[in-house]
């Protein structure tokens, strides 16, 4: 998540990154509703967009992985799984919840590093979301959804989104290493992959329309 970054321990205008005003589109605090990190949205029309270095891509993954929102999200998923007694071999109580939150957080961390760092590095892709910002609502929704299959390369060209598809496929496969043996099925793996891709598509739509929503709600 899907998204969209400052260097670890440095300001957003550090030497290895573009100024935040170029990286984050129409967002002063880098969060949607003050909660969801919005570290990788950039306007299609932003001037002189420089490609991210390898270090910047991995720092983007690090920032998203260590963001408090990621831990809270993992805790939420773990709570739902505990309530439904998913992965029963994890057990119940604090120990069971700890195993579930650990697995949920591992899902997020592995997915972030694969889709924002490792695969973008291997295929020379830009993991940021390039916001369309103009046109009809229908066209903008279609564009946002299409970004799960199409992404921008470091050279500014469009091509197949290996980061999203390959990255999330590998992440779903790696989850078999730490989930119970009974859950290590092709169907479970495919479900995890599908849920992540659908979630990323929904988040892309939110990234696309957040400035419009922000203006409508907060008059900014």
Protein backbone atom coordinates (compact mmCIF):
# COMPACT_ATOMS: atom_id res chain seq x y z
CA UNK A 1 0.00 0.00 0.00
CA UNK A 2 -0.23 0.04 -2.75
CA UNK A 3 1.79 3.99 -2.12
CA UNK A 4 3.44 6.19 -2.30
CA UNK A 5 9.66 9.84 0.38
CA UNK A 6 12.03 11.27 2.76
CA UNK A 7 15.32 9.65 3.62
CA UNK A 8 15.49 7.74 6.85
CA UNK A 9 16.12 10.23 9.60
CA UNK A 10 16.38 13.19 7.20
CA UNK A 11 14.09 15.95 6.05
CA UNK A 12 12.09 15.58 2.83
CA UNK A 13 14.41 18.06 1.13
CA UNK A 14 17.51 15.96 1.82
CA UNK A 15 20.18 15.62 -0.87
CA UNK A 16 18.88 12.37 -2.33
CA UNK A 17 15.25 13.38 -2.80
CA UNK A 18 13.24 15.95 -4.66
CA UNK A 19 11.64 18.67 -2.52
CA UNK A 20 8.39 17.50 -0.93
CA UNK A 21 6.47 20.08 -2.96
CA UNK A 22 7.41 18.17 -6.13
CA UNK A 23 6.92 14.69 -4.71
CA UNK A 24 3.64 14.96 -2.85
CA UNK A 25 0.84 16.42 -4.90
CA UNK A 26 -1.25 19.09 -3.14
CA UNK A 27 -0.66 17.56 0.29
CA UNK A 28 0.98 19.55 3.06
CA UNK A 29 1.34 16.76 5.60
CA UNK A 30 1.72 13.70 3.37
CA UNK A 31 -1.37 11.97 4.81
CA UNK A 32 -4.92 11.45 3.65
CA UNK A 33 -7.41 12.45 6.34
CA UNK A 34 -4.32 12.74 8.54
CA UNK A 35 -4.05 8.92 8.64
CA UNK A 36 -3.16 7.17 5.39
CA UNK A 37 0.45 7.87 4.25
CA UNK A 38 0.61 9.70 0.94
CA UNK A 39 4.35 9.68 0.31
CA UNK A 40 4.46 8.75 -3.34
CA UNK A 41 1.84 10.78 -5.20
CA UNK A 42 3.20 13.13 -7.84
CA UNK A 43 1.41 15.09 -10.54
CA UNK A 44 1.79 14.01 -14.15
CA UNK A 45 2.45 17.66 -14.99
CA UNK A 46 5.14 18.23 -12.35
CA UNK A 47 8.14 19.87 -14.04
CA UNK A 48 11.53 18.15 -14.29
CA UNK A 49 10.58 14.94 -12.49
CA UNK A 50 13.82 13.12 -11.76
CA UNK A 51 13.83 9.31 -11.50
CA UNK A 52 14.30 7.87 -8.05
CA UNK A 53 17.66 6.41 -7.18
CA UNK A 54 17.89 2.87 -5.85
CA UNK A 55 18.40 4.28 -2.37
CA UNK A 56 15.29 6.42 -2.67
CA UNK A 57 13.17 3.46 -3.75
CA UNK A 58 14.27 1.39 -0.77
CA UNK A 59 13.81 4.36 1.57
CA UNK A 60 10.27 4.71 0.26
CA UNK A 61 9.63 1.08 1.17
CA UNK A 62 11.25 1.63 4.58
CA UNK A 63 9.12 4.70 5.30
CA UNK A 64 5.87 2.94 4.39
CA UNK A 65 6.85 -0.16 6.37
CA UNK A 66 7.78 1.71 9.56
CA UNK A 67 4.87 4.15 9.43
CA UNK A 68 2.56 3.77 12.48
CA UNK A 69 -0.37 3.32 10.10
CA UNK A 70 1.14 0.04 8.87
CA UNK A 71 1.32 -1.36 12.39
CA UNK A 72 -2.22 -0.21 13.17
CA UNK A 73 -3.47 -1.83 9.95
CA UNK A 74 -1.70 -5.07 10.81
CA UNK A 75 -3.27 -4.94 14.27
CA UNK A 76 -6.70 -4.47 12.74
CA UNK A 77 -6.31 -7.43 10.37
CA UNK A 78 -4.95 -9.54 13.22
CA UNK A 79 -7.94 -8.60 15.38
CA UNK A 80 -10.39 -9.63 12.68
CA UNK A 81 -8.51 -12.90 12.16
CA UNK A 82 -8.52 -13.53 15.92
CA UNK A 83 -12.25 -12.84 16.18
CA UNK A 84 -12.99 -15.19 13.28
CA UNK A 85 -10.43 -17.72 14.57
CA UNK A 86 -8.60 -17.72 11.26
CA UNK A 87 -5.40 -19.76 11.36
CA UNK A 88 -6.62 -21.76 14.40
CA UNK A 89 -3.20 -23.31 15.00
CA UNK A 90 -2.02 -19.83 16.08
CA UNK A 91 -4.32 -20.24 19.08
CA UNK A 92 -6.20 -17.55 20.99
CA UNK A 93 -5.29 -15.09 23.72
CA UNK A 94 -2.31 -12.74 23.67
CA UNK A 95 0.01 -15.36 22.17
CA UNK A 96 -2.38 -16.06 19.29
CA UNK A 97 -2.91 -12.38 18.64
CA UNK A 98 0.84 -11.81 18.66
CA UNK A 99 1.34 -14.48 16.00
CA UNK A 100 -1.44 -13.04 13.87
CA UNK A 101 -0.19 -9.46 14.09
CA UNK A 102 3.33 -10.64 13.31
CA UNK A 103 2.12 -12.44 10.20
CA UNK A 104 -0.03 -9.48 9.12
CA UNK A 105 2.86 -7.06 9.60
CA UNK A 106 5.19 -9.38 7.67
CA UNK A 107 2.68 -9.32 4.80
CA UNK A 108 2.86 -5.53 4.72
CA UNK A 109 6.63 -5.28 5.09
CA UNK A 110 7.49 -7.91 2.48
CA UNK A 111 4.96 -6.46 0.05
CA UNK A 112 6.32 -2.93 0.50
CA UNK A 113 9.93 -3.91 -0.11
CA UNK A 114 9.08 -6.02 -3.14
CA UNK A 115 6.72 -3.54 -4.83
CA UNK A 116 8.52 -0.31 -3.92
CA UNK A 117 12.17 -1.36 -3.71
CA UNK A 118 13.34 -4.70 -5.07
CA UNK A 119 11.20 -5.18 -8.19
CA UNK A 120 11.29 -1.46 -9.18
CA UNK A 121 15.08 -1.70 -8.96
CA UNK A 122 15.23 -4.86 -11.07
CA UNK A 123 12.85 -3.59 -13.77
CA UNK A 124 13.82 0.11 -13.58
CA UNK A 125 10.29 1.17 -12.60
CA UNK A 126 9.12 4.23 -10.70
CA UNK A 127 6.99 3.10 -7.70
CA UNK A 128 5.30 6.47 -7.31
CA UNK A 129 1.70 7.17 -8.31
CA UNK A 130 1.53 9.78 -11.08
CA UNK A 131 -1.78 11.56 -10.56
CA UNK A 132 -3.75 12.45 -13.68
CA UNK A 133 -5.68 15.25 -12.01
CA UNK A 134 -7.66 16.35 -15.08
CA UNK A 135 -10.47 15.01 -17.23
CA UNK A 136 -13.80 13.43 -16.37
CA UNK A 137 -14.27 11.45 -13.22
CA UNK A 138 -14.81 8.27 -15.22
CA UNK A 139 -11.54 8.70 -17.11
CA UNK A 140 -9.63 9.44 -13.94
CA UNK A 141 -11.05 6.37 -12.20
CA UNK A 142 -10.16 4.23 -15.21
CA UNK A 143 -6.66 5.70 -15.20
CA UNK A 144 -6.18 5.08 -11.46
CA UNK A 145 -7.35 1.48 -11.74
CA UNK A 146 -5.13 0.87 -14.77
CA UNK A 147 -2.02 1.78 -12.77
CA UNK A 148 -2.05 -1.71 -11.25
CA UNK A 149 -1.18 -3.01 -14.73
CA UNK A 150 0.67 -0.04 -16.20
CA UNK A 151 3.44 1.92 -14.54
CA UNK A 152 6.12 4.43 -15.46
CA UNK A 153 9.73 3.46 -15.99
CA UNK A 154 12.69 5.46 -14.72
CA UNK A 155 12.92 6.90 -18.24
CA UNK A 156 9.34 8.18 -18.09
CA UNK A 157 7.78 5.58 -20.38
CA UNK A 158 4.75 3.42 -19.69
CA UNK A 159 5.06 -0.36 -19.53
CA UNK A 160 3.66 -3.41 -17.75
CA UNK A 161 3.64 -3.00 -13.97
CA UNK A 162 5.99 -5.79 -12.91
CA UNK A 163 6.35 -4.21 -9.48
CA UNK A 164 2.66 -4.62 -8.70
CA UNK A 165 2.02 -8.01 -10.29
CA UNK A 166 5.33 -9.81 -9.79
CA UNK A 167 6.01 -8.13 -6.45
CA UNK A 168 2.68 -9.05 -4.93
CA UNK A 169 2.80 -12.54 -6.41
CA UNK A 170 6.17 -13.20 -4.77
CA UNK A 171 4.95 -11.65 -1.50
CA UNK A 172 1.91 -13.93 -1.46
CA UNK A 173 4.15 -16.92 -2.12
CA UNK A 174 6.61 -15.97 0.63
CA UNK A 175 3.77 -15.73 3.14
CA UNK A 176 3.60 -19.53 3.01
CA UNK A 177 6.81 -19.54 5.04
CA UNK A 178 5.14 -18.18 8.17
CA UNK A 179 1.44 -19.07 7.91
CA UNK A 180 0.19 -22.45 9.18
CA UNK A 181 0.73 -25.42 6.87
CA UNK A 182 -3.05 -25.83 6.45
CA UNK A 183 -3.17 -22.37 4.82
CA UNK A 184 -0.36 -23.02 2.34
CA UNK A 185 -2.61 -23.78 -0.60
CA UNK A 186 -2.71 -22.36 -4.11
CA UNK A 187 -6.16 -20.95 -3.39
CA UNK A 188 -5.04 -19.12 -0.24
CA UNK A 189 -1.98 -17.73 -2.02
CA UNK A 190 -4.06 -16.54 -4.97
CA UNK A 191 -6.56 -14.93 -2.60
CA UNK A 192 -3.84 -12.97 -0.81
CA UNK A 193 -2.48 -11.78 -4.15
CA UNK A 194 -5.92 -10.74 -5.40
CA UNK A 195 -6.79 -8.90 -2.18
CA UNK A 196 -3.55 -6.91 -2.33
CA UNK A 197 -3.96 -5.93 -5.98
CA UNK A 198 -7.60 -4.89 -5.46
CA UNK A 199 -6.59 -2.91 -2.36
CA UNK A 200 -3.83 -1.15 -4.27
CA UNK A 201 -6.26 -0.28 -7.06
CA UNK A 202 -8.67 1.24 -4.54
CA UNK A 203 -5.88 3.22 -2.91
CA UNK A 204 -4.82 4.54 -6.33
CA UNK A 205 -8.34 5.94 -6.78
CA UNK A 206 -8.05 7.59 -3.37
CA UNK A 207 -4.66 9.07 -4.32
CA UNK A 208 -6.15 10.38 -7.56
CA UNK A 209 -9.11 12.16 -5.96
CA UNK A 210 -7.72 13.13 -2.56
CA UNK A 211 -6.87 16.75 -3.52
CA UNK A 212 -10.42 17.18 -4.85
CA UNK A 213 -11.89 15.62 -1.70
CA UNK A 214 -9.64 17.71 0.49
CA UNK A 215 -10.76 20.88 -1.24
CA UNK A 216 -14.44 19.92 -1.03
CA UNK A 217 -14.27 18.94 2.64
CA UNK A 218 -11.71 21.31 4.10
CA UNK A 219 -11.93 24.13 1.52
CA UNK A 220 -8.16 23.96 0.98
